[in-house]
Amino acid sequence: MLAMTTLGSTNRPVSAIGLGLAALGRPGYINLGHATDLGHDYDPDAMQRHAHAVLDAAWSLGVRYFDAARSYGRGEEFLADWLRLRQPPEGTCTVGSKWGYTYTAGWQVQATHHEVKDHTLPVLRRQFAESRSLLGTNLHLYQIHSATLASGVLTRPDVLRELAAIQAQGIAIGLSLTGPEQSETLARALEVRIDDRPLFDVVQATWNLLEPSVGPRLAEAKQHGLGVIVKEALANGRLTDRNPNTDQLRVLTDEAKRLNASIDAVALATVLAQPWVDVVLSGAATVEQLRSNLQAATIQNRIDPATLAETPSLYWSRRGELAWN
């Protein structure tokens, strides 16, 4: 079983590795090989069965944090249906979701716009009502989806007060980060206070062997009592055997051979080794990928995060070029 901890100061139980539903809730996503993972079968009922199979495997293997978002197609719906069917005992797991993007792909792999970002009060109110309608009391954490300085969400008093009102209902409030200015956005978030109380309980950020730049700020957030969740630990497939960069792949392959583990487990183990992390998300789209990812909990690799690191601007530029599939 996976090691358990509490998520920052929220007192919510979480496993060291959680499961994100970004690749399970919609036909199109930017992970390398996503179409193959889904077997090119995008029938909603088939996708729900597939998602439930991965969720069942996750639970049996000790995963106790589950991460969704309004923009993950039917991800919240699939998760909510699974929770109703399995009925995990109260207090045994934590469920998080996010608001701020509206899914607009129409259940298509290719779309002009897969999701539309809007961090205004009407969207928060609409999407929170949608999330709460689906997840009910299983909604334990609600996060701003991909907060940035440019979106202005951290300077909107009406939005921040609405989030505080949600928090008063017993739901933890967090923000996920994106882009080369993750560190600056988090610094601003740490300053946000409502009625002389820090607003944010949790931060979710991209940190991996290719993009470790936000690490010092995440350590600071941990010192402030925030729970820390790491997403995109496999860089959307670039830190797996699907990586087209032969030099990066060689470093990962050599370490994987030394440890008799998978490449993805090596990359995830690097995240687990960071003292400030509470949860690292597996973005597994198949049971096999999940089992491979979870090897990370049993190994310790020697790759210095600086070995493969790209500049933030280069990393995020390359991420932006990944094709929806």
C-alpha atoms as a PDB file:
ATOM      1  CA  MET A   1       0.000   0.000   0.000  1.00  0.00           C
ATOM      2  CA  LEU A   2       1.057   3.581  -0.593  1.00  0.00           C
ATOM      3  CA  ALA A   3       2.233   5.809   2.222  1.00  0.00           C
ATOM      4  CA  MET A   4      -0.463   8.080   3.613  1.00  0.00           C
ATOM      5  CA  THR A   5      -0.264  11.629   4.929  1.00  0.00           C
ATOM      6  CA  THR A   6      -2.550  14.612   5.461  1.00  0.00           C
ATOM      7  CA  LEU A   7      -2.799  17.303   2.808  1.00  0.00           C
ATOM      8  CA  GLY A   8      -1.121  20.316   4.375  1.00  0.00           C
ATOM      9  CA  SER A   9      -3.217  21.689   7.215  1.00  0.00           C
ATOM     10  CA  THR A  10      -6.523  20.404   5.770  1.00  0.00           C
ATOM     11  CA  ASN A  11      -6.491  17.149   7.781  1.00  0.00           C
ATOM     12  CA  ARG A  12      -7.655  15.358   4.632  1.00  0.00           C
ATOM     13  CA  PRO A  13      -6.065  11.914   4.079  1.00  0.00           C
ATOM     14  CA  VAL A  14      -4.078  11.492   0.879  1.00  0.00           C
ATOM     15  CA  SER A  15      -1.794   8.850  -0.568  1.00  0.00           C
ATOM     16  CA  ALA A  16       1.689   9.709  -1.776  1.00  0.00           C
ATOM     17  CA  ILE A  17       0.532   9.036  -5.345  1.00  0.00           C
ATOM     18  CA  GLY A  18      -2.880  10.200  -6.539  1.00  0.00           C
ATOM     19  CA  LEU A  19      -4.799   9.704  -9.759  1.00  0.00           C
ATOM     20  CA  GLY A  20      -5.694  12.539 -12.114  1.00  0.00           C
ATOM     21  CA  LEU A  21      -8.532  12.131 -14.596  1.00  0.00           C
ATOM     22  CA  ALA A  22      -7.336  14.508 -17.323  1.00  0.00           C
ATOM     23  CA  ALA A  23      -6.571  11.603 -19.675  1.00  0.00           C
ATOM     24  CA  LEU A  24      -9.583   9.498 -18.675  1.00  0.00           C
ATOM     25  CA  GLY A  25     -12.491  11.910 -18.958  1.00  0.00           C
ATOM     26  CA  ARG A  26     -12.378  13.091 -22.585  1.00  0.00           C
ATOM     27  CA  PRO A  27     -11.454  11.678 -26.011  1.00  0.00           C
ATOM     28  CA  GLY A  28      -8.686  14.191 -26.744  1.00  0.00           C
ATOM     29  CA  TYR A  29      -5.691  15.109 -24.594  1.00  0.00           C
ATOM     30  CA  ILE A  30      -2.090  16.173 -25.150  1.00  0.00           C
ATOM     31  CA  ASN A  31      -0.361  13.180 -23.554  1.00  0.00           C
ATOM     32  CA  LEU A  32       1.894  11.399 -26.032  1.00  0.00           C
ATOM     33  CA  GLY A  33       0.090   8.280 -27.262  1.00  0.00           C
ATOM     34  CA  HIS A  34      -3.232   9.152 -25.645  1.00  0.00           C
ATOM     35  CA  ALA A  35      -5.255   7.814 -28.585  1.00  0.00           C
ATOM     36  CA  THR A  36      -3.513   4.444 -28.317  1.00  0.00           C
ATOM     37  CA  ASP A  37      -4.147   4.336 -24.574  1.00  0.00           C
ATOM     38  CA  LEU A  38      -7.883   4.671 -25.179  1.00  0.00           C
ATOM     39  CA  GLY A  39      -7.820   2.188 -28.056  1.00  0.00           C
ATOM     40  CA  HIS A  40      -9.410   4.859 -30.265  1.00  0.00           C
ATOM     41  CA  ASP A  41     -12.744   3.930 -28.626  1.00  0.00           C
ATOM     42  CA  TYR A  42     -14.504   7.148 -27.666  1.00  0.00           C
ATOM     43  CA  ASP A  43     -17.992   5.823 -26.988  1.00  0.00           C
ATOM     44  CA  PRO A  44     -18.999   7.530 -23.712  1.00  0.00           C
ATOM     45  CA  ASP A  45     -20.148   4.296 -22.075  1.00  0.00           C
ATOM     46  CA  ALA A  46     -16.941   2.544 -23.094  1.00  0.00           C
ATOM     47  CA  MET A  47     -14.871   5.410 -21.753  1.00  0.00           C
ATOM     48  CA  GLN A  48     -16.759   5.338 -18.477  1.00  0.00           C
ATOM     49  CA  ARG A  49     -16.126   1.614 -18.080  1.00  0.00           C
ATOM     50  CA  HIS A  50     -12.480   2.204 -18.905  1.00  0.00           C
ATOM     51  CA  ALA A  51     -12.201   5.019 -16.347  1.00  0.00           C
ATOM     52  CA  HIS A  52     -13.902   2.910 -13.688  1.00  0.00           C
ATOM     53  CA  ALA A  53     -11.489   0.039 -14.323  1.00  0.00           C
ATOM     54  CA  VAL A  54      -8.537   2.366 -13.742  1.00  0.00           C
ATOM     55  CA  LEU A  55     -10.207   3.843 -10.643  1.00  0.00           C
ATOM     56  CA  ASP A  56     -10.875   0.335  -9.279  1.00  0.00           C
ATOM     57  CA  ALA A  57      -7.237  -0.608  -9.792  1.00  0.00           C
ATOM     58  CA  ALA A  58      -6.098   2.620  -8.170  1.00  0.00           C
ATOM     59  CA  TRP A  59      -8.205   1.994  -5.088  1.00  0.00           C
ATOM     60  CA  SER A  60      -7.012  -1.596  -4.753  1.00  0.00           C
ATOM     61  CA  LEU A  61      -3.404  -0.399  -4.970  1.00  0.00           C
ATOM     62  CA  GLY A  62      -3.835   2.189  -2.231  1.00  0.00           C
ATOM     63  CA  VAL A  63      -4.517   5.406  -4.150  1.00  0.00           C
ATOM     64  CA  ARG A  64      -6.531   7.742  -1.940  1.00  0.00           C
ATOM     65  CA  TYR A  65      -6.421  11.083  -3.759  1.00  0.00           C
ATOM     66  CA  PHE A  66      -8.462  11.641  -6.930  1.00  0.00           C
ATOM     67  CA  ASP A  67      -8.193  14.790  -9.055  1.00  0.00           C
ATOM     68  CA  ALA A  68     -10.719  16.076 -11.591  1.00  0.00           C
ATOM     69  CA  ALA A  69     -11.801  19.350 -13.205  1.00  0.00           C
ATOM     70  CA  ARG A  70     -14.828  20.815 -14.924  1.00  0.00           C
ATOM     71  CA  SER A  71     -12.890  20.874 -18.200  1.00  0.00           C
ATOM     72  CA  TYR A  72     -11.975  17.167 -18.165  1.00  0.00           C
ATOM     73  CA  GLY A  73     -14.910  16.268 -20.396  1.00  0.00           C
ATOM     74  CA  ARG A  74     -16.944  13.821 -18.316  1.00  0.00           C
ATOM     75  CA  GLY A  75     -14.143  13.245 -15.811  1.00  0.00           C
ATOM     76  CA  GLU A  76     -16.110  14.577 -12.849  1.00  0.00           C
ATOM     77  CA  GLU A  77     -19.147  12.577 -13.923  1.00  0.00           C
ATOM     78  CA  PHE A  78     -17.147   9.342 -14.273  1.00  0.00           C
ATOM     79  CA  LEU A  79     -15.566   9.897 -10.864  1.00  0.00           C
ATOM     80  CA  ALA A  80     -18.888  10.758  -9.227  1.00  0.00           C
ATOM     81  CA  ASP A  81     -20.530   7.626 -10.645  1.00  0.00           C
ATOM     82  CA  TRP A  82     -17.624   5.498  -9.429  1.00  0.00           C
ATOM     83  CA  LEU A  83     -17.866   6.990  -5.934  1.00  0.00           C
ATOM     84  CA  ARG A  84     -21.595   6.248  -5.820  1.00  0.00           C
ATOM     85  CA  LEU A  85     -20.999   2.644  -6.893  1.00  0.00           C
ATOM     86  CA  ARG A  86     -18.021   1.921  -4.631  1.00  0.00           C
ATOM     87  CA  GLN A  87     -19.019   4.115  -1.660  1.00  0.00           C
ATOM     88  CA  PRO A  88     -15.602   4.448  -0.023  1.00  0.00           C
ATOM     89  CA  PRO A  89     -16.017   5.020   3.725  1.00  0.00           C
ATOM     90  CA  GLU A  90     -16.109   8.650   4.813  1.00  0.00           C
ATOM     91  CA  GLY A  91     -12.682  10.000   5.711  1.00  0.00           C
ATOM     92  CA  THR A  92     -10.724   7.382   3.771  1.00  0.00           C
ATOM     93  CA  CYS A  93      -9.881   9.424   0.670  1.00  0.00           C
ATOM     94  CA  THR A  94      -9.810  12.950  -0.722  1.00  0.00           C
ATOM     95  CA  VAL A  95     -11.389  14.238  -3.934  1.00  0.00           C
ATOM     96  CA  GLY A  96     -10.337  17.481  -5.583  1.00  0.00           C
ATOM     97  CA  SER A  97     -11.731  19.311  -8.577  1.00  0.00           C
ATOM     98  CA  LYS A  98     -11.073  22.583 -10.347  1.00  0.00           C
ATOM     99  CA  TRP A  99     -12.948  25.468 -11.950  1.00  0.00           C
ATOM    100  CA  GLY A 100     -12.026  28.090 -14.532  1.00  0.00           C
ATOM    101  CA  TYR A 101     -12.021  26.198 -17.823  1.00  0.00           C
ATOM    102  CA  THR A 102     -15.153  25.184 -19.710  1.00  0.00           C
ATOM    103  CA  TYR A 103     -14.929  22.059 -21.867  1.00  0.00           C
ATOM    104  CA  THR A 104     -15.817  22.977 -25.455  1.00  0.00           C
ATOM    105  CA  ALA A 105     -14.537  20.100 -27.618  1.00  0.00           C
ATOM    106  CA  GLY A 106     -17.955  18.488 -28.017  1.00  0.00           C
ATOM    107  CA  TRP A 107     -16.563  15.009 -27.311  1.00  0.00           C
ATOM    108  CA  GLN A 108     -14.237  15.270 -30.310  1.00  0.00           C
ATOM    109  CA  VAL A 109     -10.538  14.459 -30.431  1.00  0.00           C
ATOM    110  CA  GLN A 110      -9.884  17.482 -32.632  1.00  0.00           C
ATOM    111  CA  ALA A 111     -11.569  20.795 -31.950  1.00  0.00           C
ATOM    112  CA  THR A 112     -10.958  24.475 -32.639  1.00  0.00           C
ATOM    113  CA  HIS A 113     -10.961  25.055 -28.880  1.00  0.00           C
ATOM    114  CA  HIS A 114     -10.840  22.180 -26.419  1.00  0.00           C
ATOM    115  CA  GLU A 115     -11.485  24.398 -23.407  1.00  0.00           C
ATOM    116  CA  VAL A 116     -12.108  28.070 -22.745  1.00  0.00           C
ATOM    117  CA  LYS A 117     -10.522  29.802 -19.762  1.00  0.00           C
ATOM    118  CA  ASP A 118     -12.529  32.299 -17.705  1.00  0.00           C
ATOM    119  CA  HIS A 119     -11.721  33.131 -14.095  1.00  0.00           C
ATOM    120  CA  THR A 120     -14.658  35.432 -13.410  1.00  0.00           C
ATOM    121  CA  LEU A 121     -17.289  35.193 -10.673  1.00  0.00           C
ATOM    122  CA  PRO A 122     -20.177  33.940 -12.872  1.00  0.00           C
ATOM    123  CA  VAL A 123     -18.050  31.027 -14.066  1.00  0.00           C
ATOM    124  CA  LEU A 124     -16.985  30.162 -10.519  1.00  0.00           C
ATOM    125  CA  ARG A 125     -20.585  30.154  -9.316  1.00  0.00           C
ATOM    126  CA  ARG A 126     -21.812  28.087 -12.267  1.00  0.00           C
ATOM    127  CA  GLN A 127     -19.036  25.554 -12.157  1.00  0.00           C
ATOM    128  CA  PHE A 128     -19.045  25.142  -8.379  1.00  0.00           C
ATOM    129  CA  ALA A 129     -22.762  24.378  -8.557  1.00  0.00           C
ATOM    130  CA  GLU A 130     -22.052  21.812 -11.303  1.00  0.00           C
ATOM    131  CA  SER A 131     -19.215  20.193  -9.351  1.00  0.00           C
ATOM    132  CA  ARG A 132     -21.212  20.084  -6.137  1.00  0.00           C
ATOM    133  CA  SER A 133     -24.217  18.642  -7.951  1.00  0.00           C
ATOM    134  CA  LEU A 134     -22.110  15.757  -9.237  1.00  0.00           C
ATOM    135  CA  LEU A 135     -19.765  15.122  -6.317  1.00  0.00           C
ATOM    136  CA  GLY A 136     -21.897  16.247  -3.379  1.00  0.00           C
ATOM    137  CA  THR A 137     -20.146  15.807  -0.037  1.00  0.00           C
ATOM    138  CA  ASN A 138     -17.313  13.956  -1.798  1.00  0.00           C
ATOM    139  CA  LEU A 139     -15.958  17.316  -2.984  1.00  0.00           C
ATOM    140  CA  HIS A 140     -13.208  18.058  -0.479  1.00  0.00           C
ATOM    141  CA  LEU A 141     -10.911  20.421  -2.398  1.00  0.00           C
ATOM    142  CA  TYR A 142     -11.825  23.062  -4.988  1.00  0.00           C
ATOM    143  CA  GLN A 143      -9.037  24.741  -6.940  1.00  0.00           C
ATOM    144  CA  ILE A 144      -8.614  27.582  -9.399  1.00  0.00           C
ATOM    145  CA  HIS A 145      -7.635  25.823 -12.622  1.00  0.00           C
ATOM    146  CA  SER A 146      -4.322  27.069 -14.045  1.00  0.00           C
ATOM    147  CA  ALA A 147      -4.115  30.361 -12.198  1.00  0.00           C
ATOM    148  CA  THR A 148      -1.700  32.853 -13.726  1.00  0.00           C
ATOM    149  CA  LEU A 149      -0.883  36.481 -13.089  1.00  0.00           C
ATOM    150  CA  ALA A 150      -2.213  37.299 -16.555  1.00  0.00           C
ATOM    151  CA  SER A 151      -5.643  35.814 -15.834  1.00  0.00           C
ATOM    152  CA  GLY A 152      -6.100  38.350 -13.043  1.00  0.00           C
ATOM    153  CA  VAL A 153      -7.899  35.874 -10.808  1.00  0.00           C
ATOM    154  CA  LEU A 154      -5.754  36.685  -7.764  1.00  0.00           C
ATOM    155  CA  THR A 155      -6.729  40.367  -7.936  1.00  0.00           C
ATOM    156  CA  ARG A 156     -10.504  39.874  -8.203  1.00  0.00           C
ATOM    157  CA  PRO A 157     -11.993  40.541  -4.733  1.00  0.00           C
ATOM    158  CA  ASP A 158     -15.408  39.162  -5.720  1.00  0.00           C
ATOM    159  CA  VAL A 159     -13.899  35.836  -6.804  1.00  0.00           C
ATOM    160  CA  LEU A 160     -11.633  35.583  -3.769  1.00  0.00           C
ATOM    161  CA  ARG A 161     -14.500  36.252  -1.369  1.00  0.00           C
ATOM    162  CA  GLU A 162     -16.653  33.675  -3.125  1.00  0.00           C
ATOM    163  CA  LEU A 163     -13.867  31.141  -2.691  1.00  0.00           C
ATOM    164  CA  ALA A 164     -13.708  32.050   0.998  1.00  0.00           C
ATOM    165  CA  ALA A 165     -17.458  31.438   1.247  1.00  0.00           C
ATOM    166  CA  ILE A 166     -16.965  27.982  -0.275  1.00  0.00           C
ATOM    167  CA  GLN A 167     -14.155  27.391   2.191  1.00  0.00           C
ATOM    168  CA  ALA A 168     -16.528  28.262   5.033  1.00  0.00           C
ATOM    169  CA  GLN A 169     -18.640  25.280   3.928  1.00  0.00           C
ATOM    170  CA  GLY A 170     -15.761  22.987   4.887  1.00  0.00           C
ATOM    171  CA  ILE A 171     -14.201  22.636   1.440  1.00  0.00           C
ATOM    172  CA  ALA A 172     -10.467  23.321   1.148  1.00  0.00           C
ATOM    173  CA  ILE A 173      -9.472  25.948  -1.418  1.00  0.00           C
ATOM    174  CA  GLY A 174      -6.477  25.654  -3.706  1.00  0.00           C
ATOM    175  CA  LEU A 175      -5.033  26.778  -6.991  1.00  0.00           C
ATOM    176  CA  SER A 176      -3.264  24.940  -9.763  1.00  0.00           C
ATOM    177  CA  LEU A 177      -0.461  26.676 -11.625  1.00  0.00           C
ATOM    178  CA  THR A 178       0.765  26.697 -15.189  1.00  0.00           C
ATOM    179  CA  GLY A 179       3.338  28.389 -17.389  1.00  0.00           C
ATOM    180  CA  PRO A 180       6.861  29.745 -16.916  1.00  0.00           C
ATOM    181  CA  GLU A 181       5.699  32.149 -14.170  1.00  0.00           C
ATOM    182  CA  GLN A 182       4.422  29.479 -11.769  1.00  0.00           C
ATOM    183  CA  SER A 183       6.750  30.727  -9.040  1.00  0.00           C
ATOM    184  CA  GLU A 184       5.626  34.341  -9.338  1.00  0.00           C
ATOM    185  CA  THR A 185       1.958  33.331  -9.342  1.00  0.00           C
ATOM    186  CA  LEU A 186       2.412  31.247  -6.207  1.00  0.00           C
ATOM    187  CA  ALA A 187       4.242  34.090  -4.477  1.00  0.00           C
ATOM    188  CA  ARG A 188       1.229  36.313  -5.116  1.00  0.00           C
ATOM    189  CA  ALA A 189      -1.175  33.603  -3.943  1.00  0.00           C
ATOM    190  CA  LEU A 190       0.672  33.267  -0.639  1.00  0.00           C
ATOM    191  CA  GLU A 191      -0.126  36.928   0.026  1.00  0.00           C
ATOM    192  CA  VAL A 192      -3.885  36.576  -0.481  1.00  0.00           C
ATOM    193  CA  ARG A 193      -5.819  36.923   2.756  1.00  0.00           C
ATOM    194  CA  ILE A 194      -9.537  37.170   3.397  1.00  0.00           C
ATOM    195  CA  ASP A 195     -10.604  38.577   6.772  1.00  0.00           C
ATOM    196  CA  ASP A 196      -6.988  38.345   7.890  1.00  0.00           C
ATOM    197  CA  ARG A 197      -6.766  34.640   7.065  1.00  0.00           C
ATOM    198  CA  PRO A 198      -4.747  33.057   4.251  1.00  0.00           C
ATOM    199  CA  LEU A 199      -7.161  31.941   1.557  1.00  0.00           C
ATOM    200  CA  PHE A 200      -5.323  29.037   0.008  1.00  0.00           C
ATOM    201  CA  ASP A 201      -4.992  25.641   1.656  1.00  0.00           C
ATOM    202  CA  VAL A 202      -3.394  23.773  -1.257  1.00  0.00           C
ATOM    203  CA  VAL A 203      -1.265  24.415  -4.324  1.00  0.00           C
ATOM    204  CA  GLN A 204      -0.993  22.126  -7.352  1.00  0.00           C
ATOM    205  CA  ALA A 205       1.945  22.791  -9.666  1.00  0.00           C
ATOM    206  CA  THR A 206       3.931  21.303 -12.526  1.00  0.00           C
ATOM    207  CA  TRP A 207       7.276  20.008 -11.298  1.00  0.00           C
ATOM    208  CA  ASN A 208       9.304  17.363 -13.083  1.00  0.00           C
ATOM    209  CA  LEU A 209      12.798  16.514 -14.278  1.00  0.00           C
ATOM    210  CA  LEU A 210      12.392  18.827 -17.254  1.00  0.00           C
ATOM    211  CA  GLU A 211      10.759  21.730 -15.371  1.00  0.00           C
ATOM    212  CA  PRO A 212      11.833  21.929 -11.697  1.00  0.00           C
ATOM    213  CA  SER A 213      11.957  25.723 -11.451  1.00  0.00           C
ATOM    214  CA  VAL A 214       9.022  26.153  -9.059  1.00  0.00           C
ATOM    215  CA  GLY A 215      10.572  23.857  -6.452  1.00  0.00           C
ATOM    216  CA  PRO A 216      11.905  26.532  -4.052  1.00  0.00           C
ATOM    217  CA  ARG A 217       8.529  28.298  -4.041  1.00  0.00           C
ATOM    218  CA  LEU A 218       6.723  25.028  -3.356  1.00  0.00           C
ATOM    219  CA  ALA A 219       9.041  24.499  -0.383  1.00  0.00           C
ATOM    220  CA  GLU A 220       8.032  27.954   0.831  1.00  0.00           C
ATOM    221  CA  ALA A 221       4.352  27.123   0.398  1.00  0.00           C
ATOM    222  CA  LYS A 222       4.852  23.961   2.431  1.00  0.00           C
ATOM    223  CA  GLN A 223       6.416  26.031   5.210  1.00  0.00           C
ATOM    224  CA  HIS A 224       3.305  28.231   5.159  1.00  0.00           C
ATOM    225  CA  GLY A 225       1.169  25.150   5.811  1.00  0.00           C
ATOM    226  CA  LEU A 226      -0.171  24.578   2.289  1.00  0.00           C
ATOM    227  CA  GLY A 227      -0.644  21.099   0.960  1.00  0.00           C
ATOM    228  CA  VAL A 228       1.470  20.507  -2.159  1.00  0.00           C
ATOM    229  CA  ILE A 229       0.266  18.427  -5.115  1.00  0.00           C
ATOM    230  CA  VAL A 230       2.523  17.875  -8.124  1.00  0.00           C
ATOM    231  CA  LYS A 231       0.947  17.431 -11.558  1.00  0.00           C
ATOM    232  CA  GLU A 232       2.444  16.567 -14.949  1.00  0.00           C
ATOM    233  CA  ALA A 233       5.290  14.711 -13.269  1.00  0.00           C
ATOM    234  CA  LEU A 234       5.809  12.788 -16.523  1.00  0.00           C
ATOM    235  CA  ALA A 235       5.696  15.934 -18.671  1.00  0.00           C
ATOM    236  CA  ASN A 236       2.706  14.671 -20.677  1.00  0.00           C
ATOM    237  CA  GLY A 237       4.614  11.561 -21.707  1.00  0.00           C
ATOM    238  CA  ARG A 238       7.995  13.141 -22.378  1.00  0.00           C
ATOM    239  CA  LEU A 239       9.367  11.390 -19.278  1.00  0.00           C
ATOM    240  CA  THR A 240       8.314   7.934 -20.454  1.00  0.00           C
ATOM    241  CA  ASP A 241       9.605   5.560 -23.109  1.00  0.00           C
ATOM    242  CA  ARG A 242       7.606   7.662 -25.600  1.00  0.00           C
ATOM    243  CA  ASN A 243      10.109  10.510 -25.291  1.00  0.00           C
ATOM    244  CA  PRO A 244      11.447  11.292 -28.787  1.00  0.00           C
ATOM    245  CA  ASN A 245      14.582  12.983 -27.372  1.00  0.00           C
ATOM    246  CA  THR A 246      17.242  10.276 -27.465  1.00  0.00           C
ATOM    247  CA  ASP A 247      19.625  12.034 -25.064  1.00  0.00           C
ATOM    248  CA  GLN A 248      16.949  12.470 -22.396  1.00  0.00           C
ATOM    249  CA  LEU A 249      15.670   8.961 -22.981  1.00  0.00           C
ATOM    250  CA  ARG A 250      19.164   7.506 -22.557  1.00  0.00           C
ATOM    251  CA  VAL A 251      19.574   9.053 -19.096  1.00  0.00           C
ATOM    252  CA  LEU A 252      16.165   7.774 -18.012  1.00  0.00           C
ATOM    253  CA  THR A 253      16.723   4.331 -19.514  1.00  0.00           C
ATOM    254  CA  ASP A 254      20.091   3.862 -17.802  1.00  0.00           C
ATOM    255  CA  GLU A 255      18.634   4.712 -14.401  1.00  0.00           C
ATOM    256  CA  ALA A 256      15.604   2.520 -15.006  1.00  0.00           C
ATOM    257  CA  LYS A 257      17.852  -0.432 -15.844  1.00  0.00           C
ATOM    258  CA  ARG A 258      19.921   0.153 -12.704  1.00  0.00           C
ATOM    259  CA  LEU A 259      16.799   0.092 -10.561  1.00  0.00           C
ATOM    260  CA  ASN A 260      14.982  -2.616 -12.536  1.00  0.00           C
ATOM    261  CA  ALA A 261      12.055  -0.228 -12.822  1.00  0.00           C
ATOM    262  CA  SER A 262      10.126   1.574 -15.523  1.00  0.00           C
ATOM    263  CA  ILE A 263      11.203   4.942 -16.878  1.00  0.00           C
ATOM    264  CA  ASP A 264       8.011   6.573 -15.657  1.00  0.00           C
ATOM    265  CA  ALA A 265       8.577   5.206 -12.155  1.00  0.00           C
ATOM    266  CA  VAL A 266      12.052   6.764 -12.138  1.00  0.00           C
ATOM    267  CA  ALA A 267      10.602  10.158 -13.049  1.00  0.00           C
ATOM    268  CA  LEU A 268       7.841   9.915 -10.429  1.00  0.00           C
ATOM    269  CA  ALA A 269      10.280   8.766  -7.761  1.00  0.00           C
ATOM    270  CA  THR A 270      12.231  11.984  -8.289  1.00  0.00           C
ATOM    271  CA  VAL A 271       9.112  13.919  -7.298  1.00  0.00           C
ATOM    272  CA  LEU A 272       8.459  11.738  -4.262  1.00  0.00           C
ATOM    273  CA  ALA A 273      12.002  12.448  -3.084  1.00  0.00           C
ATOM    274  CA  GLN A 274      11.248  16.158  -2.697  1.00  0.00           C
ATOM    275  CA  PRO A 275      10.619  16.894   1.010  1.00  0.00           C
ATOM    276  CA  TRP A 276       7.867  19.422   0.310  1.00  0.00           C
ATOM    277  CA  VAL A 277       5.552  17.194  -1.745  1.00  0.00           C
ATOM    278  CA  ASP A 278       2.385  15.627  -0.305  1.00  0.00           C
ATOM    279  CA  VAL A 279       0.951  14.020  -3.451  1.00  0.00           C
ATOM    280  CA  VAL A 280       2.260  13.392  -6.939  1.00  0.00           C
ATOM    281  CA  LEU A 281      -0.399  12.687  -9.544  1.00  0.00           C
ATOM    282  CA  SER A 282      -0.329   9.732 -11.848  1.00  0.00           C
ATOM    283  CA  GLY A 283      -2.007  10.646 -15.104  1.00  0.00           C
ATOM    284  CA  ALA A 284      -2.346   6.991 -16.068  1.00  0.00           C
ATOM    285  CA  ALA A 285      -4.808   6.224 -18.825  1.00  0.00           C
ATOM    286  CA  THR A 286      -4.577   2.431 -18.424  1.00  0.00           C
ATOM    287  CA  VAL A 287      -4.285  -0.014 -15.551  1.00  0.00           C
ATOM    288  CA  GLU A 288      -0.888  -1.084 -16.877  1.00  0.00           C
ATOM    289  CA  GLN A 289       0.396   2.492 -16.797  1.00  0.00           C
ATOM    290  CA  LEU A 290      -0.923   2.920 -13.269  1.00  0.00           C
ATOM    291  CA  ARG A 291       0.868  -0.178 -12.010  1.00  0.00           C
ATOM    292  CA  SER A 292       4.052   1.003 -13.686  1.00  0.00           C
ATOM    293  CA  ASN A 293       3.714   4.477 -12.156  1.00  0.00           C
ATOM    294  CA  LEU A 294       3.231   3.066  -8.673  1.00  0.00           C
ATOM    295  CA  GLN A 295       6.616   1.367  -8.774  1.00  0.00           C
ATOM    296  CA  ALA A 296       7.890   4.849  -7.894  1.00  0.00           C
ATOM    297  CA  ALA A 297       6.891   4.308  -4.274  1.00  0.00           C
ATOM    298  CA  THR A 298       9.413   1.461  -3.944  1.00  0.00           C
ATOM    299  CA  ILE A 299      12.558   2.956  -5.522  1.00  0.00           C
ATOM    300  CA  GLN A 300      15.017   5.785  -5.042  1.00  0.00           C
ATOM    301  CA  ASN A 301      16.766   7.119  -8.128  1.00  0.00           C
ATOM    302  CA  ARG A 302      19.921   9.179  -8.385  1.00  0.00           C
ATOM    303  CA  ILE A 303      19.034  11.584 -11.174  1.00  0.00           C
ATOM    304  CA  ASP A 304      19.725  15.168 -10.173  1.00  0.00           C
ATOM    305  CA  PRO A 305      16.725  17.309 -11.215  1.00  0.00           C
ATOM    306  CA  ALA A 306      19.194  19.689 -12.879  1.00  0.00           C
ATOM    307  CA  THR A 307      20.470  16.962 -15.225  1.00  0.00           C
ATOM    308  CA  LEU A 308      17.601  17.077 -17.709  1.00  0.00           C
ATOM    309  CA  ALA A 309      16.115  20.467 -16.880  1.00  0.00           C
ATOM    310  CA  GLU A 310      15.114  22.789 -19.695  1.00  0.00           C
ATOM    311  CA  THR A 311      14.610  26.499 -19.275  1.00  0.00           C
ATOM    312  CA  PRO A 312      11.019  27.226 -18.221  1.00  0.00           C
ATOM    313  CA  SER A 313      10.359  29.127 -21.436  1.00  0.00           C
ATOM    314  CA  LEU A 314      11.594  26.205 -23.558  1.00  0.00           C
ATOM    315  CA  TYR A 315       9.669  23.619 -21.539  1.00  0.00           C
ATOM    316  CA  TRP A 316       6.374  25.489 -21.747  1.00  0.00           C
ATOM    317  CA  SER A 317       6.883  26.243 -25.422  1.00  0.00           C
ATOM    318  CA  ARG A 318       7.365  22.550 -26.147  1.00  0.00           C
ATOM    319  CA  ARG A 319       4.366  21.649 -24.029  1.00  0.00           C
ATOM    320  CA  GLY A 320       2.292  24.090 -26.061  1.00  0.00           C
ATOM    321  CA  GLU A 321       3.309  22.288 -29.242  1.00  0.00           C
ATOM    322  CA  LEU A 322       2.019  18.883 -28.101  1.00  0.00           C
ATOM    323  CA  ALA A 323      -0.801  17.655 -30.311  1.00  0.00           C
ATOM    324  CA  TRP A 324      -4.244  16.756 -29.002  1.00  0.00           C
ATOM    325  CA  ASN A 325      -4.772  13.066 -29.811  1.00  0.00           C
END
